Amino acid sequence: MGEWITLTMADGHAMPCWHVLPEGDRRGGLVLVQEIFGVTEHIREMCAEYAAEGYEVISPQLFDRQQPGCELGYSGADWERAVEIARKEHDWEQGLDDTARCIAWIKERGGPVFIMGYCFGGSVAWRMAQVSDDLDAASCYYGGYIATRFADDPPKCATIAHFGRFDSMVPIEPVEQLIEKQHPTAQIFVYEAGHGFNSDRRKDYHPESADLAQQRTLMLFRALGG
């Protein structure tokens, strides 16, 4: 259902991006941002799910400069490598700039523009919602930076964020403080689940929470023109 395409980033880097055309009538464009493991089979499946809902989806391989073709597993040496890339090697601001390039590309293709992401990608999606003028809505899953580094500024577009109450990697206390800020453009949802509850590859997969979060995401996108 999808294919790899290449977009040229602002610094000239040729970035591989997974691209899926929508099924049926096109509702809009969606930038779907990876976890720390790269554009894995799971991420590509998420792209396919949203394409089936009518969205043209692009998912940039944001760690391509650090590890071309990055597609890591969830444990052992792969887990350690993913954390090393995300925390030590990847340039956060460069990644935002790359994501902005993808937003601009999908915007040129017409219709409303949305962004979503998981874990690392959830933080990217939240931050882009705060700084980009080209987004209509954002859905952000359990991003660690959302409530710690980027809690103070309200998003520019309608934004929802999803957190697990029992997340061992994203403490609930900062999330509760974020909720107390009552940003007018943001709504924060807490699920009775752990980290990575959306992924059926993870030990904390919680199908009820995953289904509800996806329903809320689709409701948001459709309410904003998608």
C-alpha atoms as a PDB file:
ATOM      1  CA  MET A   1       0.000   0.000   0.000  1.00  0.00           C
ATOM      2  CA  GLY A   2       2.946   2.340   0.433  1.00  0.00           C
ATOM      3  CA  GLU A   3       6.344   3.141  -0.993  1.00  0.00           C
ATOM      4  CA  TRP A   4       9.552   4.877  -0.041  1.00  0.00           C
ATOM      5  CA  ILE A   5      10.022   8.304  -1.561  1.00  0.00           C
ATOM      6  CA  THR A   6      12.821  10.805  -1.048  1.00  0.00           C
ATOM      7  CA  LEU A   7      12.391  14.404   0.032  1.00  0.00           C
ATOM      8  CA  THR A   8      15.250  16.909   0.026  1.00  0.00           C
ATOM      9  CA  MET A   9      15.639  18.545   3.410  1.00  0.00           C
ATOM     10  CA  ALA A  10      16.740  22.156   4.019  1.00  0.00           C
ATOM     11  CA  ASP A  11      20.380  21.074   4.428  1.00  0.00           C
ATOM     12  CA  GLY A  12      20.293  19.049   1.207  1.00  0.00           C
ATOM     13  CA  HIS A  13      19.952  15.659   2.884  1.00  0.00           C
ATOM     14  CA  ALA A  14      17.907  13.157   0.855  1.00  0.00           C
ATOM     15  CA  MET A  15      15.435  11.891   3.457  1.00  0.00           C
ATOM     16  CA  PRO A  16      13.638   8.573   2.899  1.00  0.00           C
ATOM     17  CA  CYS A  17       9.932   8.890   3.773  1.00  0.00           C
ATOM     18  CA  TRP A  18       7.244   6.232   3.777  1.00  0.00           C
ATOM     19  CA  HIS A  19       4.349   7.459   1.652  1.00  0.00           C
ATOM     20  CA  VAL A  20       0.860   5.986   1.455  1.00  0.00           C
ATOM     21  CA  LEU A  21      -1.921   7.302  -0.763  1.00  0.00           C
ATOM     22  CA  PRO A  22      -5.445   7.446   0.654  1.00  0.00           C
ATOM     23  CA  GLU A  23      -8.147   4.921  -0.024  1.00  0.00           C
ATOM     24  CA  GLY A  24     -11.258   6.490  -1.501  1.00  0.00           C
ATOM     25  CA  ASP A  25     -11.801  10.231  -1.271  1.00  0.00           C
ATOM     26  CA  ARG A  26      -8.828  12.169   0.103  1.00  0.00           C
ATOM     27  CA  ARG A  27      -9.641  13.799   3.459  1.00  0.00           C
ATOM     28  CA  GLY A  28      -6.313  15.597   3.858  1.00  0.00           C
ATOM     29  CA  GLY A  29      -2.638  15.087   4.523  1.00  0.00           C
ATOM     30  CA  LEU A  30      -1.037  13.500   7.589  1.00  0.00           C
ATOM     31  CA  VAL A  31       2.562  13.557   8.799  1.00  0.00           C
ATOM     32  CA  LEU A  32       3.011  10.510  11.038  1.00  0.00           C
ATOM     33  CA  VAL A  33       6.150  10.638  13.192  1.00  0.00           C
ATOM     34  CA  GLN A  34       8.055   7.552  14.275  1.00  0.00           C
ATOM     35  CA  GLU A  35       8.986   6.148  17.668  1.00  0.00           C
ATOM     36  CA  ILE A  36      12.686   5.967  18.571  1.00  0.00           C
ATOM     37  CA  PHE A  37      12.921   2.695  16.642  1.00  0.00           C
ATOM     38  CA  GLY A  38      12.558   4.246  13.193  1.00  0.00           C
ATOM     39  CA  VAL A  39       9.913   3.815  10.531  1.00  0.00           C
ATOM     40  CA  THR A  40       9.250   0.233  11.555  1.00  0.00           C
ATOM     41  CA  GLU A  41       6.700  -2.250  10.282  1.00  0.00           C
ATOM     42  CA  HIS A  42       4.377  -1.069  13.052  1.00  0.00           C
ATOM     43  CA  ILE A  43       4.690   2.575  11.970  1.00  0.00           C
ATOM     44  CA  ARG A  44       4.059   1.600   8.368  1.00  0.00           C
ATOM     45  CA  GLU A  45       0.965  -0.277   9.487  1.00  0.00           C
ATOM     46  CA  MET A  46      -0.251   2.857  11.274  1.00  0.00           C
ATOM     47  CA  CYS A  47       0.275   4.777   8.039  1.00  0.00           C
ATOM     48  CA  ALA A  48      -1.832   2.197   6.224  1.00  0.00           C
ATOM     49  CA  GLU A  49      -4.610   2.432   8.826  1.00  0.00           C
ATOM     50  CA  TYR A  50      -4.901   6.189   8.405  1.00  0.00           C
ATOM     51  CA  ALA A  51      -4.662   5.922   4.635  1.00  0.00           C
ATOM     52  CA  ALA A  52      -7.628   3.553   4.838  1.00  0.00           C
ATOM     53  CA  GLU A  53      -9.481   6.380   6.593  1.00  0.00           C
ATOM     54  CA  GLY A  54      -8.835   8.693   3.652  1.00  0.00           C
ATOM     55  CA  TYR A  55      -5.570  10.428   4.551  1.00  0.00           C
ATOM     56  CA  GLU A  56      -2.465  10.766   2.435  1.00  0.00           C
ATOM     57  CA  VAL A  57       0.308   9.851   4.862  1.00  0.00           C
ATOM     58  CA  ILE A  58       4.012  10.561   4.951  1.00  0.00           C
ATOM     59  CA  SER A  59       6.369   9.274   7.659  1.00  0.00           C
ATOM     60  CA  PRO A  60       9.942  10.630   7.536  1.00  0.00           C
ATOM     61  CA  GLN A  61      12.886   8.450   8.565  1.00  0.00           C
ATOM     62  CA  LEU A  62      14.126  11.076  11.039  1.00  0.00           C
ATOM     63  CA  PHE A  63      17.135   9.059  12.209  1.00  0.00           C
ATOM     64  CA  ASP A  64      18.442   8.544   8.677  1.00  0.00           C
ATOM     65  CA  ARG A  65      21.460  10.767   9.222  1.00  0.00           C
ATOM     66  CA  GLN A  66      22.497   8.751  12.268  1.00  0.00           C
ATOM     67  CA  GLN A  67      21.544   5.276  11.009  1.00  0.00           C
ATOM     68  CA  PRO A  68      20.348   4.899   7.422  1.00  0.00           C
ATOM     69  CA  GLY A  69      17.371   2.578   7.135  1.00  0.00           C
ATOM     70  CA  CYS A  70      16.850   2.688  10.907  1.00  0.00           C
ATOM     71  CA  GLU A  71      14.386  -0.037  11.916  1.00  0.00           C
ATOM     72  CA  LEU A  72      15.216  -1.330  15.377  1.00  0.00           C
ATOM     73  CA  GLY A  73      13.616  -3.835  17.725  1.00  0.00           C
ATOM     74  CA  TYR A  74      12.112  -3.152  21.130  1.00  0.00           C
ATOM     75  CA  SER A  75      14.611  -4.898  23.403  1.00  0.00           C
ATOM     76  CA  GLY A  76      18.248  -5.785  23.996  1.00  0.00           C
ATOM     77  CA  ALA A  77      20.926  -4.180  21.862  1.00  0.00           C
ATOM     78  CA  ASP A  78      18.351  -2.670  19.514  1.00  0.00           C
ATOM     79  CA  TRP A  79      16.647  -0.889  22.416  1.00  0.00           C
ATOM     80  CA  GLU A  80      19.993   0.446  23.635  1.00  0.00           C
ATOM     81  CA  ARG A  81      20.882   1.655  20.145  1.00  0.00           C
ATOM     82  CA  ALA A  82      17.524   3.412  19.738  1.00  0.00           C
ATOM     83  CA  VAL A  83      17.968   5.249  23.039  1.00  0.00           C
ATOM     84  CA  GLU A  84      21.537   6.187  22.106  1.00  0.00           C
ATOM     85  CA  ILE A  85      20.419   7.713  18.809  1.00  0.00           C
ATOM     86  CA  ALA A  86      17.483   9.578  20.327  1.00  0.00           C
ATOM     87  CA  ARG A  87      19.310  10.975  23.356  1.00  0.00           C
ATOM     88  CA  LYS A  88      22.884  11.459  22.141  1.00  0.00           C
ATOM     89  CA  GLU A  89      23.173  11.505  18.351  1.00  0.00           C
ATOM     90  CA  HIS A  90      19.978  12.912  16.893  1.00  0.00           C
ATOM     91  CA  ASP A  91      19.792  16.691  16.539  1.00  0.00           C
ATOM     92  CA  TRP A  92      16.376  17.627  17.940  1.00  0.00           C
ATOM     93  CA  GLU A  93      16.144  20.961  16.120  1.00  0.00           C
ATOM     94  CA  GLN A  94      17.231  19.340  12.863  1.00  0.00           C
ATOM     95  CA  GLY A  95      14.482  16.785  13.326  1.00  0.00           C
ATOM     96  CA  LEU A  96      11.905  19.537  13.771  1.00  0.00           C
ATOM     97  CA  ASP A  97      13.175  21.219  10.632  1.00  0.00           C
ATOM     98  CA  ASP A  98      12.898  17.929   8.732  1.00  0.00           C
ATOM     99  CA  THR A  99       9.360  17.476  10.012  1.00  0.00           C
ATOM    100  CA  ALA A 100       8.481  21.013   8.925  1.00  0.00           C
ATOM    101  CA  ARG A 101       9.701  20.141   5.437  1.00  0.00           C
ATOM    102  CA  CYS A 102       7.309  17.179   5.361  1.00  0.00           C
ATOM    103  CA  ILE A 103       4.461  19.372   6.566  1.00  0.00           C
ATOM    104  CA  ALA A 104       5.193  21.840   3.770  1.00  0.00           C
ATOM    105  CA  TRP A 105       5.312  19.018   1.208  1.00  0.00           C
ATOM    106  CA  ILE A 106       1.962  17.547   2.224  1.00  0.00           C
ATOM    107  CA  LYS A 107       0.402  21.006   2.433  1.00  0.00           C
ATOM    108  CA  GLU A 108       1.301  21.647  -1.207  1.00  0.00           C
ATOM    109  CA  ARG A 109      -0.852  18.647  -2.132  1.00  0.00           C
ATOM    110  CA  GLY A 110      -3.984  20.373  -0.852  1.00  0.00           C
ATOM    111  CA  GLY A 111      -6.544  20.008   1.907  1.00  0.00           C
ATOM    112  CA  PRO A 112      -6.146  20.183   5.677  1.00  0.00           C
ATOM    113  CA  VAL A 113      -2.852  19.104   7.221  1.00  0.00           C
ATOM    114  CA  PHE A 114      -2.527  16.983  10.357  1.00  0.00           C
ATOM    115  CA  ILE A 115       0.316  15.554  12.404  1.00  0.00           C
ATOM    116  CA  MET A 116       0.549  12.687  14.843  1.00  0.00           C
ATOM    117  CA  GLY A 117       3.335  10.756  16.500  1.00  0.00           C
ATOM    118  CA  TYR A 118       4.164   8.086  19.031  1.00  0.00           C
ATOM    119  CA  CYS A 119       6.640   8.336  21.938  1.00  0.00           C
ATOM    120  CA  PHE A 120       9.556  10.346  20.453  1.00  0.00           C
ATOM    121  CA  GLY A 121       7.203  11.224  17.627  1.00  0.00           C
ATOM    122  CA  GLY A 122       4.557  12.342  20.087  1.00  0.00           C
ATOM    123  CA  SER A 123       6.947  14.966  21.412  1.00  0.00           C
ATOM    124  CA  VAL A 124       7.788  16.047  17.867  1.00  0.00           C
ATOM    125  CA  ALA A 125       4.099  16.337  16.972  1.00  0.00           C
ATOM    126  CA  TRP A 126       3.356  18.410  20.088  1.00  0.00           C
ATOM    127  CA  ARG A 127       6.273  20.748  19.455  1.00  0.00           C
ATOM    128  CA  MET A 128       5.331  21.217  15.812  1.00  0.00           C
ATOM    129  CA  ALA A 129       1.784  22.057  16.923  1.00  0.00           C
ATOM    130  CA  GLN A 130       3.308  24.835  19.030  1.00  0.00           C
ATOM    131  CA  VAL A 131       5.557  26.324  16.347  1.00  0.00           C
ATOM    132  CA  SER A 132       3.998  25.582  12.933  1.00  0.00           C
ATOM    133  CA  ASP A 133       1.423  27.773  11.243  1.00  0.00           C
ATOM    134  CA  ASP A 134       0.630  25.063   8.679  1.00  0.00           C
ATOM    135  CA  LEU A 135      -1.191  22.480  10.815  1.00  0.00           C
ATOM    136  CA  ASP A 136      -4.913  22.081  11.323  1.00  0.00           C
ATOM    137  CA  ALA A 137      -4.716  19.569  14.191  1.00  0.00           C
ATOM    138  CA  ALA A 138      -2.309  17.294  16.074  1.00  0.00           C
ATOM    139  CA  SER A 139      -2.563  14.022  17.986  1.00  0.00           C
ATOM    140  CA  CYS A 140       0.368  13.206  20.262  1.00  0.00           C
ATOM    141  CA  TYR A 141       0.956   9.861  21.959  1.00  0.00           C
ATOM    142  CA  TYR A 142       2.941   9.571  25.227  1.00  0.00           C
ATOM    143  CA  GLY A 143       5.783  11.901  24.304  1.00  0.00           C
ATOM    144  CA  GLY A 144       8.211  12.352  27.172  1.00  0.00           C
ATOM    145  CA  TYR A 145       9.050  15.969  26.341  1.00  0.00           C
ATOM    146  CA  ILE A 146       5.453  17.165  26.134  1.00  0.00           C
ATOM    147  CA  ALA A 147       4.912  17.714  29.849  1.00  0.00           C
ATOM    148  CA  THR A 148       8.543  18.323  30.829  1.00  0.00           C
ATOM    149  CA  ARG A 149      10.201  20.511  28.178  1.00  0.00           C
ATOM    150  CA  PHE A 150       7.278  21.970  26.245  1.00  0.00           C
ATOM    151  CA  ALA A 151       4.403  22.315  28.693  1.00  0.00           C
ATOM    152  CA  ASP A 152       4.205  26.090  28.960  1.00  0.00           C
ATOM    153  CA  ASP A 153       3.209  27.222  25.474  1.00  0.00           C
ATOM    154  CA  PRO A 154      -0.248  26.389  24.081  1.00  0.00           C
ATOM    155  CA  PRO A 155      -0.367  24.690  20.681  1.00  0.00           C
ATOM    156  CA  LYS A 156      -1.281  26.911  17.736  1.00  0.00           C
ATOM    157  CA  CYS A 157      -3.723  24.309  16.388  1.00  0.00           C
ATOM    158  CA  ALA A 158      -6.261  22.019  18.024  1.00  0.00           C
ATOM    159  CA  THR A 159      -4.238  19.320  19.750  1.00  0.00           C
ATOM    160  CA  ILE A 160      -4.899  16.196  21.772  1.00  0.00           C
ATOM    161  CA  ALA A 161      -2.326  14.227  23.774  1.00  0.00           C
ATOM    162  CA  HIS A 162      -2.604  10.671  25.064  1.00  0.00           C
ATOM    163  CA  PHE A 163      -0.783   9.351  28.146  1.00  0.00           C
ATOM    164  CA  GLY A 164      -0.819   6.108  30.125  1.00  0.00           C
ATOM    165  CA  ARG A 165      -1.382   6.438  33.853  1.00  0.00           C
ATOM    166  CA  PHE A 166       1.072   3.588  34.497  1.00  0.00           C
ATOM    167  CA  ASP A 167       3.754   4.721  32.029  1.00  0.00           C
ATOM    168  CA  SER A 168       7.157   3.828  33.494  1.00  0.00           C
ATOM    169  CA  MET A 169       8.936   6.193  31.073  1.00  0.00           C
ATOM    170  CA  VAL A 170       6.646   9.233  31.215  1.00  0.00           C
ATOM    171  CA  PRO A 171       5.726  10.062  34.840  1.00  0.00           C
ATOM    172  CA  ILE A 172       2.117  11.008  35.460  1.00  0.00           C
ATOM    173  CA  GLU A 173       2.909  13.960  37.758  1.00  0.00           C
ATOM    174  CA  PRO A 174       4.108  16.348  35.010  1.00  0.00           C
ATOM    175  CA  VAL A 175       1.159  15.243  32.887  1.00  0.00           C
ATOM    176  CA  GLU A 176      -1.225  16.223  35.675  1.00  0.00           C
ATOM    177  CA  GLN A 177       0.528  19.596  35.901  1.00  0.00           C
ATOM    178  CA  LEU A 178       0.092  20.016  32.145  1.00  0.00           C
ATOM    179  CA  ILE A 179      -3.622  19.319  32.510  1.00  0.00           C
ATOM    180  CA  GLU A 180      -3.835  22.024  35.181  1.00  0.00           C
ATOM    181  CA  LYS A 181      -2.508  24.596  32.715  1.00  0.00           C
ATOM    182  CA  GLN A 182      -5.766  24.245  30.760  1.00  0.00           C
ATOM    183  CA  HIS A 183      -4.348  25.332  27.425  1.00  0.00           C
ATOM    184  CA  PRO A 184      -7.386  26.384  25.344  1.00  0.00           C
ATOM    185  CA  THR A 185      -6.135  24.589  22.238  1.00  0.00           C
ATOM    186  CA  ALA A 186      -5.165  21.323  23.934  1.00  0.00           C
ATOM    187  CA  GLN A 187      -6.985  18.413  25.505  1.00  0.00           C
ATOM    188  CA  ILE A 188      -5.081  15.816  27.497  1.00  0.00           C
ATOM    189  CA  PHE A 189      -6.357  12.259  27.896  1.00  0.00           C
ATOM    190  CA  VAL A 190      -5.072   9.758  30.451  1.00  0.00           C
ATOM    191  CA  TYR A 191      -5.634   6.044  29.873  1.00  0.00           C
ATOM    192  CA  GLU A 192      -5.418   3.150  32.322  1.00  0.00           C
ATOM    193  CA  ALA A 193      -2.392   1.794  30.486  1.00  0.00           C
ATOM    194  CA  GLY A 194       1.397   1.885  30.291  1.00  0.00           C
ATOM    195  CA  HIS A 195       3.941   3.185  27.804  1.00  0.00           C
ATOM    196  CA  GLY A 196       3.491   2.275  24.162  1.00  0.00           C
ATOM    197  CA  PHE A 197      -0.093   1.158  24.702  1.00  0.00           C
ATOM    198  CA  ASN A 198      -0.920   1.786  21.044  1.00  0.00           C
ATOM    199  CA  SER A 199       1.552  -0.775  19.684  1.00  0.00           C
ATOM    200  CA  ASP A 200       0.620  -4.444  19.496  1.00  0.00           C
ATOM    201  CA  ARG A 201       4.359  -5.182  19.437  1.00  0.00           C
ATOM    202  CA  ARG A 202       4.852  -3.843  22.967  1.00  0.00           C
ATOM    203  CA  LYS A 203       4.296  -5.584  26.281  1.00  0.00           C
ATOM    204  CA  ASP A 204       2.107  -2.680  27.427  1.00  0.00           C
ATOM    205  CA  TYR A 205      -0.218  -2.905  24.431  1.00  0.00           C
ATOM    206  CA  HIS A 206      -3.721  -2.069  25.617  1.00  0.00           C
ATOM    207  CA  PRO A 207      -6.206  -2.539  22.776  1.00  0.00           C
ATOM    208  CA  GLU A 208      -9.083  -0.739  24.477  1.00  0.00           C
ATOM    209  CA  SER A 209      -6.971   2.374  25.041  1.00  0.00           C
ATOM    210  CA  ALA A 210      -5.479   2.160  21.548  1.00  0.00           C
ATOM    211  CA  ASP A 211      -8.925   1.979  19.968  1.00  0.00           C
ATOM    212  CA  LEU A 212     -10.262   4.873  22.040  1.00  0.00           C
ATOM    213  CA  ALA A 213      -7.232   7.076  21.286  1.00  0.00           C
ATOM    214  CA  GLN A 214      -7.612   6.385  17.582  1.00  0.00           C
ATOM    215  CA  GLN A 215     -11.319   7.196  17.698  1.00  0.00           C
ATOM    216  CA  ARG A 216     -10.533  10.504  19.378  1.00  0.00           C
ATOM    217  CA  THR A 217      -7.832  11.230  16.805  1.00  0.00           C
ATOM    218  CA  LEU A 218     -10.144  10.612  13.882  1.00  0.00           C
ATOM    219  CA  MET A 219     -12.899  12.680  15.501  1.00  0.00           C
ATOM    220  CA  LEU A 220     -10.476  15.579  15.883  1.00  0.00           C
ATOM    221  CA  PHE A 221      -9.198  15.379  12.313  1.00  0.00           C
ATOM    222  CA  ARG A 222     -12.701  15.185  10.885  1.00  0.00           C
ATOM    223  CA  ALA A 223     -13.894  18.073  13.032  1.00  0.00           C
ATOM    224  CA  LEU A 224     -11.080  20.187  11.557  1.00  0.00           C
ATOM    225  CA  GLY A 225     -11.894  19.511   7.932  1.00  0.00           C
ATOM    226  CA  GLY A 226     -10.575  15.975   7.505  1.00  0.00           C
END
